[in-house]
Structures are given as structure tokens and as C-alpha cells.
N, C-alpha and C. Protein backbone atom coordinates (compact mmCIF):
# COMPACT_ATOMS: atom_id res chain seq x y z
N UNK A 1 29.48 -13.80 0.43
CA UNK A 1 28.93 -15.12 0.67
C UNK A 1 27.52 -15.04 1.24
N UNK A 2 27.32 -14.08 2.16
CA UNK A 2 26.00 -13.92 2.76
C UNK A 2 24.98 -13.57 1.68
N UNK A 3 25.35 -12.69 0.74
CA UNK A 3 24.43 -12.33 -0.34
C UNK A 3 24.09 -13.54 -1.19
N UNK A 4 25.07 -14.39 -1.47
CA UNK A 4 24.83 -15.59 -2.27
C UNK A 4 23.87 -16.53 -1.55
N UNK A 5 24.05 -16.71 -0.24
CA UNK A 5 23.15 -17.60 0.49
C UNK A 5 21.75 -17.00 0.58
N UNK A 6 21.67 -15.70 0.66
CA UNK A 6 20.38 -15.03 0.68
C UNK A 6 19.66 -15.27 -0.64
N UNK A 7 20.39 -15.13 -1.76
CA UNK A 7 19.81 -15.38 -3.08
C UNK A 7 19.42 -16.84 -3.23
N UNK A 8 20.26 -17.76 -2.76
CA UNK A 8 19.96 -19.18 -2.86
C UNK A 8 18.68 -19.51 -2.10
N UNK A 9 18.53 -18.96 -0.90
CA UNK A 9 17.31 -19.17 -0.12
C UNK A 9 16.10 -18.68 -0.85
N UNK A 10 16.22 -17.55 -1.54
CA UNK A 10 15.11 -16.99 -2.30
C UNK A 10 14.74 -17.92 -3.45
N UNK A 11 15.76 -18.51 -4.09
CA UNK A 11 15.49 -19.43 -5.20
C UNK A 11 14.72 -20.67 -4.73
N UNK A 12 14.93 -21.10 -3.51
CA UNK A 12 14.24 -22.28 -2.99
C UNK A 12 12.91 -21.91 -2.35
N UNK A 13 12.49 -20.65 -2.47
CA UNK A 13 11.23 -20.23 -1.89
C UNK A 13 11.31 -19.93 -0.41
N UNK A 14 12.51 -19.90 0.15
CA UNK A 14 12.67 -19.59 1.56
C UNK A 14 12.85 -18.09 1.73
N UNK A 15 12.52 -17.64 2.91
CA UNK A 15 12.75 -16.23 3.22
C UNK A 15 14.25 -15.99 3.35
N UNK A 16 14.75 -14.87 2.81
CA UNK A 16 16.17 -14.58 2.99
C UNK A 16 16.46 -14.23 4.44
N UNK A 17 17.70 -14.43 4.84
CA UNK A 17 18.11 -14.06 6.20
C UNK A 17 17.97 -12.56 6.36
N UNK A 18 17.55 -12.08 7.52
CA UNK A 18 17.37 -10.64 7.70
C UNK A 18 18.70 -9.91 7.63
N UNK A 19 18.64 -8.70 7.11
CA UNK A 19 19.82 -7.84 7.08
C UNK A 19 20.10 -7.37 8.49
N UNK A 20 21.37 -7.18 8.84
CA UNK A 20 21.68 -6.62 10.16
C UNK A 20 21.14 -5.19 10.24
N UNK A 21 20.78 -4.75 11.43
CA UNK A 21 20.28 -3.39 11.60
C UNK A 21 21.43 -2.41 11.43
N UNK A 22 21.11 -1.25 10.91
CA UNK A 22 22.13 -0.23 10.68
C UNK A 22 22.47 -0.17 9.20
N UNK A 23 23.49 0.60 8.87
CA UNK A 23 23.84 0.82 7.47
C UNK A 23 24.56 -0.35 6.83
N UNK A 24 25.17 -1.20 7.60
CA UNK A 24 25.90 -2.34 7.07
C UNK A 24 26.22 -3.30 8.19
N UNK A 25 26.87 -4.40 7.85
CA UNK A 25 27.16 -5.43 8.84
C UNK A 25 28.02 -4.91 9.98
N UNK A 26 28.88 -3.94 9.70
CA UNK A 26 29.77 -3.42 10.72
C UNK A 26 29.22 -2.17 11.42
N UNK A 27 28.07 -1.70 11.01
CA UNK A 27 27.49 -0.49 11.59
C UNK A 27 26.88 -0.81 12.95
N UNK A 28 26.97 0.13 13.87
CA UNK A 28 26.38 -0.10 15.20
C UNK A 28 24.85 -0.07 15.11
N UNK A 29 24.22 -0.66 16.06
CA UNK A 29 22.76 -0.66 16.17
C UNK A 29 22.30 0.78 16.36
N UNK A 30 21.24 1.17 15.69
CA UNK A 30 20.74 2.54 15.83
C UNK A 30 20.18 2.76 17.22
N UNK A 31 20.09 4.02 17.61
CA UNK A 31 19.57 4.41 18.91
C UNK A 31 18.16 3.85 19.11
N UNK A 32 17.82 3.46 20.33
CA UNK A 32 16.53 2.84 20.63
C UNK A 32 15.36 3.75 20.25
N UNK A 33 15.47 5.05 20.48
CA UNK A 33 14.38 5.96 20.13
C UNK A 33 14.16 6.01 18.62
N UNK A 34 15.24 5.95 17.87
CA UNK A 34 15.14 5.93 16.40
C UNK A 34 14.47 4.63 15.97
N UNK A 35 14.87 3.53 16.58
CA UNK A 35 14.27 2.23 16.28
C UNK A 35 12.77 2.25 16.55
N UNK A 36 12.38 2.76 17.70
CA UNK A 36 10.97 2.82 18.09
C UNK A 36 10.18 3.60 17.04
N UNK A 37 10.69 4.73 16.64
CA UNK A 37 9.98 5.56 15.66
C UNK A 37 9.86 4.85 14.33
N UNK A 38 10.90 4.16 13.90
CA UNK A 38 10.85 3.42 12.64
C UNK A 38 9.78 2.34 12.68
N UNK A 39 9.75 1.58 13.76
CA UNK A 39 8.75 0.51 13.88
C UNK A 39 7.35 1.08 14.04
N UNK A 40 7.21 2.19 14.76
CA UNK A 40 5.90 2.83 14.90
C UNK A 40 5.37 3.25 13.55
N UNK A 41 6.24 3.85 12.73
CA UNK A 41 5.84 4.29 11.40
C UNK A 41 5.41 3.10 10.53
N UNK A 42 6.14 2.01 10.62
CA UNK A 42 5.79 0.81 9.84
C UNK A 42 4.46 0.22 10.29
N UNK A 43 4.22 0.17 11.60
CA UNK A 43 2.94 -0.36 12.11
C UNK A 43 1.78 0.51 11.66
N UNK A 44 1.96 1.81 11.71
CA UNK A 44 0.90 2.73 11.29
C UNK A 44 0.62 2.57 9.80
N UNK A 45 1.66 2.41 9.00
CA UNK A 45 1.47 2.21 7.56
C UNK A 45 0.71 0.92 7.29
N UNK A 46 1.02 -0.16 8.00
CA UNK A 46 0.30 -1.42 7.82
C UNK A 46 -1.16 -1.27 8.21
N UNK A 47 -1.43 -0.54 9.28
CA UNK A 47 -2.81 -0.33 9.74
C UNK A 47 -3.61 0.43 8.68
N UNK A 48 -3.00 1.44 8.10
CA UNK A 48 -3.71 2.26 7.11
C UNK A 48 -3.78 1.60 5.73
N UNK A 49 -2.89 0.67 5.46
CA UNK A 49 -2.81 0.06 4.13
C UNK A 49 -4.15 -0.54 3.70
N UNK A 50 -4.77 -1.33 4.55
CA UNK A 50 -6.04 -1.95 4.19
C UNK A 50 -7.13 -0.91 3.98
N UNK A 51 -7.19 0.06 4.86
CA UNK A 51 -8.19 1.12 4.73
C UNK A 51 -8.04 1.81 3.38
N UNK A 52 -6.82 2.18 3.03
CA UNK A 52 -6.58 2.86 1.76
C UNK A 52 -6.92 1.97 0.57
N UNK A 53 -6.55 0.68 0.65
CA UNK A 53 -6.87 -0.24 -0.44
C UNK A 53 -8.38 -0.35 -0.64
N UNK A 54 -9.12 -0.46 0.44
CA UNK A 54 -10.57 -0.58 0.33
C UNK A 54 -11.20 0.67 -0.28
N UNK A 55 -10.86 1.85 0.24
CA UNK A 55 -11.52 3.06 -0.29
C UNK A 55 -11.12 3.31 -1.74
N UNK A 56 -9.89 3.00 -2.09
CA UNK A 56 -9.46 3.17 -3.48
C UNK A 56 -10.22 2.21 -4.40
N UNK A 57 -10.37 0.97 -3.98
CA UNK A 57 -11.12 0.00 -4.78
C UNK A 57 -12.58 0.39 -4.88
N UNK A 58 -13.17 0.83 -3.79
CA UNK A 58 -14.57 1.25 -3.82
C UNK A 58 -14.75 2.41 -4.80
N UNK A 59 -13.84 3.37 -4.78
CA UNK A 59 -13.90 4.49 -5.72
C UNK A 59 -13.79 3.99 -7.15
N UNK A 60 -12.89 3.04 -7.40
CA UNK A 60 -12.71 2.49 -8.74
C UNK A 60 -13.97 1.77 -9.21
N UNK A 61 -14.57 0.97 -8.33
CA UNK A 61 -15.78 0.23 -8.70
C UNK A 61 -16.94 1.19 -8.99
N UNK A 62 -17.09 2.21 -8.18
CA UNK A 62 -18.14 3.20 -8.40
C UNK A 62 -17.90 3.93 -9.71
N UNK A 63 -16.65 4.30 -9.97
CA UNK A 63 -16.31 4.99 -11.21
C UNK A 63 -16.55 4.13 -12.44
N UNK A 64 -16.35 2.83 -12.30
CA UNK A 64 -16.50 1.92 -13.43
C UNK A 64 -17.95 1.51 -13.67
N UNK A 65 -18.68 1.19 -12.60
CA UNK A 65 -20.02 0.66 -12.78
C UNK A 65 -21.11 1.36 -12.00
N UNK A 66 -20.78 2.46 -11.33
CA UNK A 66 -21.78 3.22 -10.61
C UNK A 66 -22.05 2.74 -9.19
N UNK A 67 -21.51 1.57 -8.84
CA UNK A 67 -21.71 1.07 -7.49
C UNK A 67 -20.58 0.14 -7.08
N UNK A 68 -20.45 -0.04 -5.77
CA UNK A 68 -19.46 -0.98 -5.22
C UNK A 68 -20.24 -1.94 -4.34
N UNK A 69 -20.33 -3.18 -4.80
CA UNK A 69 -21.05 -4.20 -4.03
C UNK A 69 -20.06 -5.04 -3.25
N UNK A 70 -20.49 -5.52 -2.10
CA UNK A 70 -19.64 -6.32 -1.23
C UNK A 70 -19.06 -7.51 -1.99
N UNK A 71 -19.85 -8.18 -2.81
CA UNK A 71 -19.39 -9.34 -3.56
C UNK A 71 -18.27 -8.96 -4.54
N UNK A 72 -18.38 -7.79 -5.16
CA UNK A 72 -17.35 -7.33 -6.10
C UNK A 72 -16.06 -6.97 -5.37
N UNK A 73 -16.19 -6.35 -4.21
CA UNK A 73 -15.01 -6.01 -3.42
C UNK A 73 -14.28 -7.28 -3.01
N UNK A 74 -15.03 -8.27 -2.54
CA UNK A 74 -14.43 -9.54 -2.12
C UNK A 74 -13.71 -10.21 -3.29
N UNK A 75 -14.34 -10.22 -4.45
CA UNK A 75 -13.74 -10.86 -5.63
C UNK A 75 -12.46 -10.15 -6.04
N UNK A 76 -12.44 -8.84 -6.03
CA UNK A 76 -11.26 -8.08 -6.45
C UNK A 76 -10.10 -8.18 -5.47
N UNK A 77 -10.42 -8.29 -4.18
CA UNK A 77 -9.38 -8.38 -3.16
C UNK A 77 -8.98 -9.83 -2.88
N UNK A 78 -9.77 -10.77 -3.37
CA UNK A 78 -9.46 -12.18 -3.15
C UNK A 78 -9.67 -12.60 -1.71
N UNK A 79 -10.71 -12.05 -1.08
CA UNK A 79 -11.03 -12.39 0.30
C UNK A 79 -12.49 -12.81 0.38
N UNK A 80 -12.87 -13.40 1.51
CA UNK A 80 -14.25 -13.83 1.72
C UNK A 80 -15.16 -12.63 2.01
N UNK A 81 -16.45 -12.79 1.67
CA UNK A 81 -17.39 -11.70 1.92
C UNK A 81 -17.51 -11.32 3.40
N UNK A 82 -17.44 -12.25 4.35
CA UNK A 82 -17.48 -11.82 5.76
C UNK A 82 -16.30 -10.92 6.14
N UNK A 83 -15.16 -11.15 5.51
CA UNK A 83 -13.99 -10.29 5.74
C UNK A 83 -14.29 -8.88 5.26
N UNK A 84 -14.91 -8.78 4.09
CA UNK A 84 -15.29 -7.49 3.54
C UNK A 84 -16.34 -6.82 4.42
N UNK A 85 -17.32 -7.58 4.86
CA UNK A 85 -18.38 -7.02 5.71
C UNK A 85 -17.79 -6.41 6.98
N UNK A 86 -16.83 -7.10 7.58
CA UNK A 86 -16.19 -6.60 8.81
C UNK A 86 -15.44 -5.29 8.54
N UNK A 87 -14.71 -5.26 7.42
CA UNK A 87 -13.95 -4.05 7.08
C UNK A 87 -14.89 -2.90 6.73
N UNK A 88 -15.97 -3.18 6.02
CA UNK A 88 -16.92 -2.12 5.66
C UNK A 88 -17.55 -1.52 6.91
N UNK A 89 -17.80 -2.35 7.90
CA UNK A 89 -18.34 -1.84 9.17
C UNK A 89 -17.33 -0.88 9.81
N UNK A 90 -16.07 -1.26 9.79
CA UNK A 90 -15.02 -0.40 10.35
C UNK A 90 -14.92 0.91 9.57
N UNK A 91 -14.97 0.82 8.24
CA UNK A 91 -14.90 2.02 7.41
C UNK A 91 -16.09 2.94 7.66
N UNK A 92 -17.26 2.35 7.86
CA UNK A 92 -18.45 3.15 8.17
C UNK A 92 -18.30 3.84 9.52
N UNK A 93 -17.78 3.12 10.50
CA UNK A 93 -17.55 3.71 11.84
C UNK A 93 -16.54 4.84 11.78
N UNK A 94 -15.58 4.73 10.85
CA UNK A 94 -14.56 5.77 10.68
C UNK A 94 -15.04 6.92 9.80
N UNK A 95 -16.28 6.83 9.31
CA UNK A 95 -16.85 7.91 8.50
C UNK A 95 -16.34 7.96 7.07
N UNK A 96 -15.85 6.83 6.55
CA UNK A 96 -15.30 6.80 5.20
C UNK A 96 -16.28 6.25 4.16
N UNK A 97 -17.23 5.42 4.60
CA UNK A 97 -18.22 4.85 3.67
C UNK A 97 -19.60 4.91 4.29
N UNK A 98 -20.58 4.80 3.40
CA UNK A 98 -21.98 4.61 3.81
C UNK A 98 -22.47 3.37 3.10
N UNK A 99 -23.15 2.51 3.86
CA UNK A 99 -23.74 1.32 3.27
C UNK A 99 -25.24 1.53 3.17
N UNK A 100 -25.77 1.20 2.01
CA UNK A 100 -27.21 1.33 1.80
C UNK A 100 -27.76 -0.04 1.44
N UNK A 101 -28.79 -0.49 2.16
CA UNK A 101 -29.35 -1.81 1.86
C UNK A 101 -29.76 -1.93 0.39
N UNK A 102 -29.35 -3.02 -0.21
CA UNK A 102 -29.66 -3.34 -1.60
C UNK A 102 -29.05 -2.36 -2.60
N UNK A 103 -28.16 -1.49 -2.16
CA UNK A 103 -27.57 -0.50 -3.06
C UNK A 103 -26.05 -0.50 -3.03
N UNK A 104 -25.44 -1.23 -2.15
CA UNK A 104 -23.98 -1.27 -2.12
C UNK A 104 -23.37 -0.29 -1.16
N UNK A 105 -22.12 0.07 -1.47
CA UNK A 105 -21.30 0.90 -0.60
C UNK A 105 -20.95 2.18 -1.35
N UNK A 106 -20.99 3.29 -0.64
CA UNK A 106 -20.65 4.58 -1.22
C UNK A 106 -19.65 5.29 -0.33
N UNK A 107 -18.76 6.04 -0.92
CA UNK A 107 -17.77 6.80 -0.16
C UNK A 107 -18.36 8.10 0.35
N UNK A 108 -17.97 8.47 1.56
CA UNK A 108 -18.28 9.80 2.07
C UNK A 108 -17.26 10.76 1.45
N UNK A 109 -17.40 12.03 1.73
CA UNK A 109 -16.41 13.00 1.23
C UNK A 109 -15.02 12.66 1.76
N UNK A 110 -14.94 12.26 3.02
CA UNK A 110 -13.64 11.88 3.61
C UNK A 110 -13.10 10.63 2.93
N UNK A 111 -13.96 9.67 2.64
CA UNK A 111 -13.53 8.45 1.96
C UNK A 111 -13.05 8.74 0.55
N UNK A 112 -13.75 9.62 -0.14
CA UNK A 112 -13.35 10.00 -1.50
C UNK A 112 -11.99 10.71 -1.48
N UNK A 113 -11.79 11.59 -0.51
CA UNK A 113 -10.51 12.30 -0.41
C UNK A 113 -9.37 11.33 -0.14
N UNK A 114 -9.60 10.35 0.74
CA UNK A 114 -8.57 9.35 1.04
C UNK A 114 -8.27 8.49 -0.19
N UNK A 115 -9.31 8.13 -0.93
CA UNK A 115 -9.12 7.33 -2.15
C UNK A 115 -8.28 8.10 -3.17
N UNK A 116 -8.56 9.38 -3.35
CA UNK A 116 -7.80 10.20 -4.30
C UNK A 116 -6.35 10.36 -3.85
N UNK A 117 -6.14 10.54 -2.57
CA UNK A 117 -4.78 10.66 -2.03
C UNK A 117 -4.01 9.36 -2.25
N UNK A 118 -4.65 8.24 -1.98
CA UNK A 118 -4.00 6.94 -2.16
C UNK A 118 -3.70 6.68 -3.63
N UNK A 119 -4.62 7.02 -4.50
CA UNK A 119 -4.41 6.84 -5.94
C UNK A 119 -3.24 7.68 -6.43
N UNK A 120 -3.13 8.90 -5.94
CA UNK A 120 -2.02 9.78 -6.33
C UNK A 120 -0.68 9.22 -5.83
N UNK A 121 -0.65 8.73 -4.61
CA UNK A 121 0.57 8.10 -4.08
C UNK A 121 0.97 6.93 -4.96
N UNK A 122 -0.01 6.12 -5.35
CA UNK A 122 0.26 4.97 -6.22
C UNK A 122 0.86 5.44 -7.56
N UNK A 123 0.27 6.46 -8.14
CA UNK A 123 0.77 6.98 -9.43
C UNK A 123 2.22 7.45 -9.32
N UNK A 124 2.52 8.16 -8.26
CA UNK A 124 3.88 8.68 -8.08
C UNK A 124 4.87 7.53 -7.95
N UNK A 125 4.55 6.55 -7.10
CA UNK A 125 5.47 5.42 -6.90
C UNK A 125 5.62 4.64 -8.20
N UNK A 126 4.53 4.41 -8.90
CA UNK A 126 4.60 3.66 -10.16
C UNK A 126 5.44 4.42 -11.20
N UNK A 127 5.26 5.72 -11.29
CA UNK A 127 6.06 6.52 -12.22
C UNK A 127 7.54 6.47 -11.86
N UNK A 128 7.84 6.53 -10.56
CA UNK A 128 9.22 6.44 -10.11
C UNK A 128 9.83 5.11 -10.52
N UNK A 129 9.12 4.03 -10.25
CA UNK A 129 9.63 2.70 -10.60
C UNK A 129 9.87 2.57 -12.10
N UNK A 130 8.96 3.11 -12.90
CA UNK A 130 9.14 3.09 -14.35
C UNK A 130 10.36 3.92 -14.75
N UNK A 131 10.58 5.04 -14.05
CA UNK A 131 11.71 5.92 -14.37
C UNK A 131 13.05 5.26 -14.07
N UNK A 132 13.09 4.32 -13.11
CA UNK A 132 14.35 3.64 -12.81
C UNK A 132 14.48 2.33 -13.58
N UNK A 133 13.54 2.08 -14.52
CA UNK A 133 13.69 0.95 -15.42
C UNK A 133 12.88 -0.30 -15.10
N UNK A 134 11.98 -0.21 -14.17
CA UNK A 134 11.13 -1.37 -13.84
C UNK A 134 10.05 -1.50 -14.90
N UNK A 135 9.73 -2.74 -15.29
CA UNK A 135 8.70 -2.96 -16.30
C UNK A 135 7.35 -2.44 -15.82
N UNK A 136 6.47 -2.15 -16.75
CA UNK A 136 5.16 -1.57 -16.43
C UNK A 136 4.37 -2.49 -15.49
N UNK A 137 4.33 -3.78 -15.79
CA UNK A 137 3.56 -4.72 -14.96
C UNK A 137 4.14 -4.84 -13.55
N UNK A 138 5.44 -4.97 -13.45
CA UNK A 138 6.07 -5.07 -12.13
C UNK A 138 5.91 -3.78 -11.35
N UNK A 139 6.05 -2.65 -12.02
CA UNK A 139 5.89 -1.35 -11.36
C UNK A 139 4.47 -1.21 -10.80
N UNK A 140 3.47 -1.65 -11.56
CA UNK A 140 2.08 -1.57 -11.10
C UNK A 140 1.89 -2.41 -9.85
N UNK A 141 2.40 -3.65 -9.87
CA UNK A 141 2.24 -4.54 -8.72
C UNK A 141 3.02 -4.03 -7.50
N UNK A 142 4.28 -3.66 -7.71
CA UNK A 142 5.11 -3.22 -6.59
C UNK A 142 4.61 -1.91 -5.98
N UNK A 143 4.12 -1.03 -6.81
CA UNK A 143 3.62 0.25 -6.31
C UNK A 143 2.46 0.03 -5.34
N UNK A 144 1.70 -1.04 -5.56
CA UNK A 144 0.56 -1.34 -4.68
C UNK A 144 0.99 -1.52 -3.24
N UNK A 145 2.16 -2.04 -2.99
CA UNK A 145 2.61 -2.20 -1.61
C UNK A 145 3.42 -1.02 -1.12
N UNK A 146 4.27 -0.50 -1.99
CA UNK A 146 5.19 0.57 -1.61
C UNK A 146 4.45 1.85 -1.26
N UNK A 147 3.39 2.14 -1.98
CA UNK A 147 2.69 3.42 -1.83
C UNK A 147 2.27 3.70 -0.39
N UNK A 148 2.02 2.66 0.38
CA UNK A 148 1.54 2.83 1.75
C UNK A 148 2.65 3.03 2.77
N UNK A 149 3.89 2.77 2.35
CA UNK A 149 4.98 2.72 3.32
C UNK A 149 6.06 3.78 3.15
N UNK A 150 5.85 4.72 2.26
CA UNK A 150 6.85 5.77 2.08
C UNK A 150 6.37 7.06 2.74
N UNK A 151 7.32 7.78 3.26
CA UNK A 151 7.01 9.06 3.91
C UNK A 151 6.70 10.11 2.85
N UNK A 152 6.16 11.22 3.29
CA UNK A 152 5.89 12.34 2.39
C UNK A 152 7.19 12.83 1.75
N UNK A 153 8.27 12.84 2.53
CA UNK A 153 9.57 13.28 2.02
C UNK A 153 10.04 12.36 0.89
N UNK A 154 9.96 11.05 1.11
CA UNK A 154 10.38 10.09 0.10
C UNK A 154 9.48 10.17 -1.11
N UNK A 155 8.19 10.30 -0.90
CA UNK A 155 7.25 10.40 -2.01
C UNK A 155 7.56 11.63 -2.88
N UNK A 156 7.90 12.73 -2.24
CA UNK A 156 8.25 13.94 -3.00
C UNK A 156 9.54 13.72 -3.78
N UNK A 157 10.51 13.03 -3.21
CA UNK A 157 11.75 12.71 -3.93
C UNK A 157 11.45 11.81 -5.13
N UNK A 158 10.56 10.83 -4.95
CA UNK A 158 10.14 9.97 -6.06
C UNK A 158 9.52 10.83 -7.18
N UNK A 159 8.65 11.77 -6.78
CA UNK A 159 7.97 12.62 -7.76
C UNK A 159 9.00 13.45 -8.55
N UNK A 160 9.93 14.08 -7.84
CA UNK A 160 10.94 14.91 -8.51
C UNK A 160 11.78 14.08 -9.47
N UNK A 161 12.20 12.90 -9.04
CA UNK A 161 13.01 12.04 -9.87
C UNK A 161 12.25 11.62 -11.13
N UNK A 162 11.02 11.17 -10.95
CA UNK A 162 10.21 10.72 -12.09
C UNK A 162 9.94 11.88 -13.05
N UNK A 163 9.66 13.05 -12.51
CA UNK A 163 9.40 14.22 -13.36
C UNK A 163 10.64 14.57 -14.19
N UNK A 164 11.82 14.42 -13.60
CA UNK A 164 13.05 14.74 -14.30
C UNK A 164 13.38 13.71 -15.37
N UNK A 165 13.00 12.46 -15.13
CA UNK A 165 13.36 11.37 -16.05
C UNK A 165 12.33 11.17 -17.16
N UNK A 166 11.06 11.38 -16.88
CA UNK A 166 10.02 11.06 -17.87
C UNK A 166 9.51 12.25 -18.61
């Protein structure tokens, strides 16, 4: 019944009721230290998600047209240019990009390495999703979020599974 109400809520555009913590409704709550680590990992993944999305997009824009302009980044991400400007400042402070007046944004060696790592994670997740029967378009979209939130162990399992299936 709970699953049916969860599905019904989804059909009406409402958020489904949260799943109980643990393996199932009758499972005990996990240890507090385990909980803390799980939430810490999720917060860190969310923090890095934007950084990885930006450097990956900048690499793609440079690869496609030789440069990454703030206006193009904003258009592709669907955000305002001041939002992009703020993030580019942060990326520059972190040593991932260099901004050149009238020339756009360029990746540093560290930024390029992060972009390549993020792109590879995306490819692995997308291949895994395709291997379990997800359509190409849905796999592309879903991989965009999943890639930032899986551990190295899970990513390697995805890679092995996809390699065996495809």
C-alpha cells in the first residue's frame, strides 16, 4: 500500500514519502557513525558536483569552438551570467581555470584533469545504465546526476558490469 501511495504522489507531481532508514521498514536504524559518514559523503558529492559540471562543460566548449565564454556557459547550464561569474571566480581561486579578458575561460592542467575524470565517470555510468536496459536518452540524462554521487567502488562495479554486458 505504501508503494502505491508513493507512486500516486509521484503521478500528481508530489514528492514521494521518504523511505525508512535501513534496509527495510522493519530494519533498525543504522549506527550514528555510519549515518554521519553517509551524509558527509553526500554533502561532499553535492559540493563537487557543480565544480565538475563547470570544468567538464568548459572543456567541451573549448574542444568544440576553441573557447569557453561566460555567455555560452550560462546558456548551456540555464543560469544567469552573474551566477557563472561567481562560479568562475571560485574555480579560478581553486586553480582550475584561468580567465583572460576578452578571451574567455581556459582550464588549467588541474582543471583539465578534473574534466577528463568527470567525463570518464559519466561514460561509465551511462554505459552501465544502457547495459541494464535504460534508453540512450534517459541514460544520458540520469548519468549526469549519478556520476557525481557514486563511490569509486560502485563505479568500478558499474564498469565491470557494463564491460561484461556490452
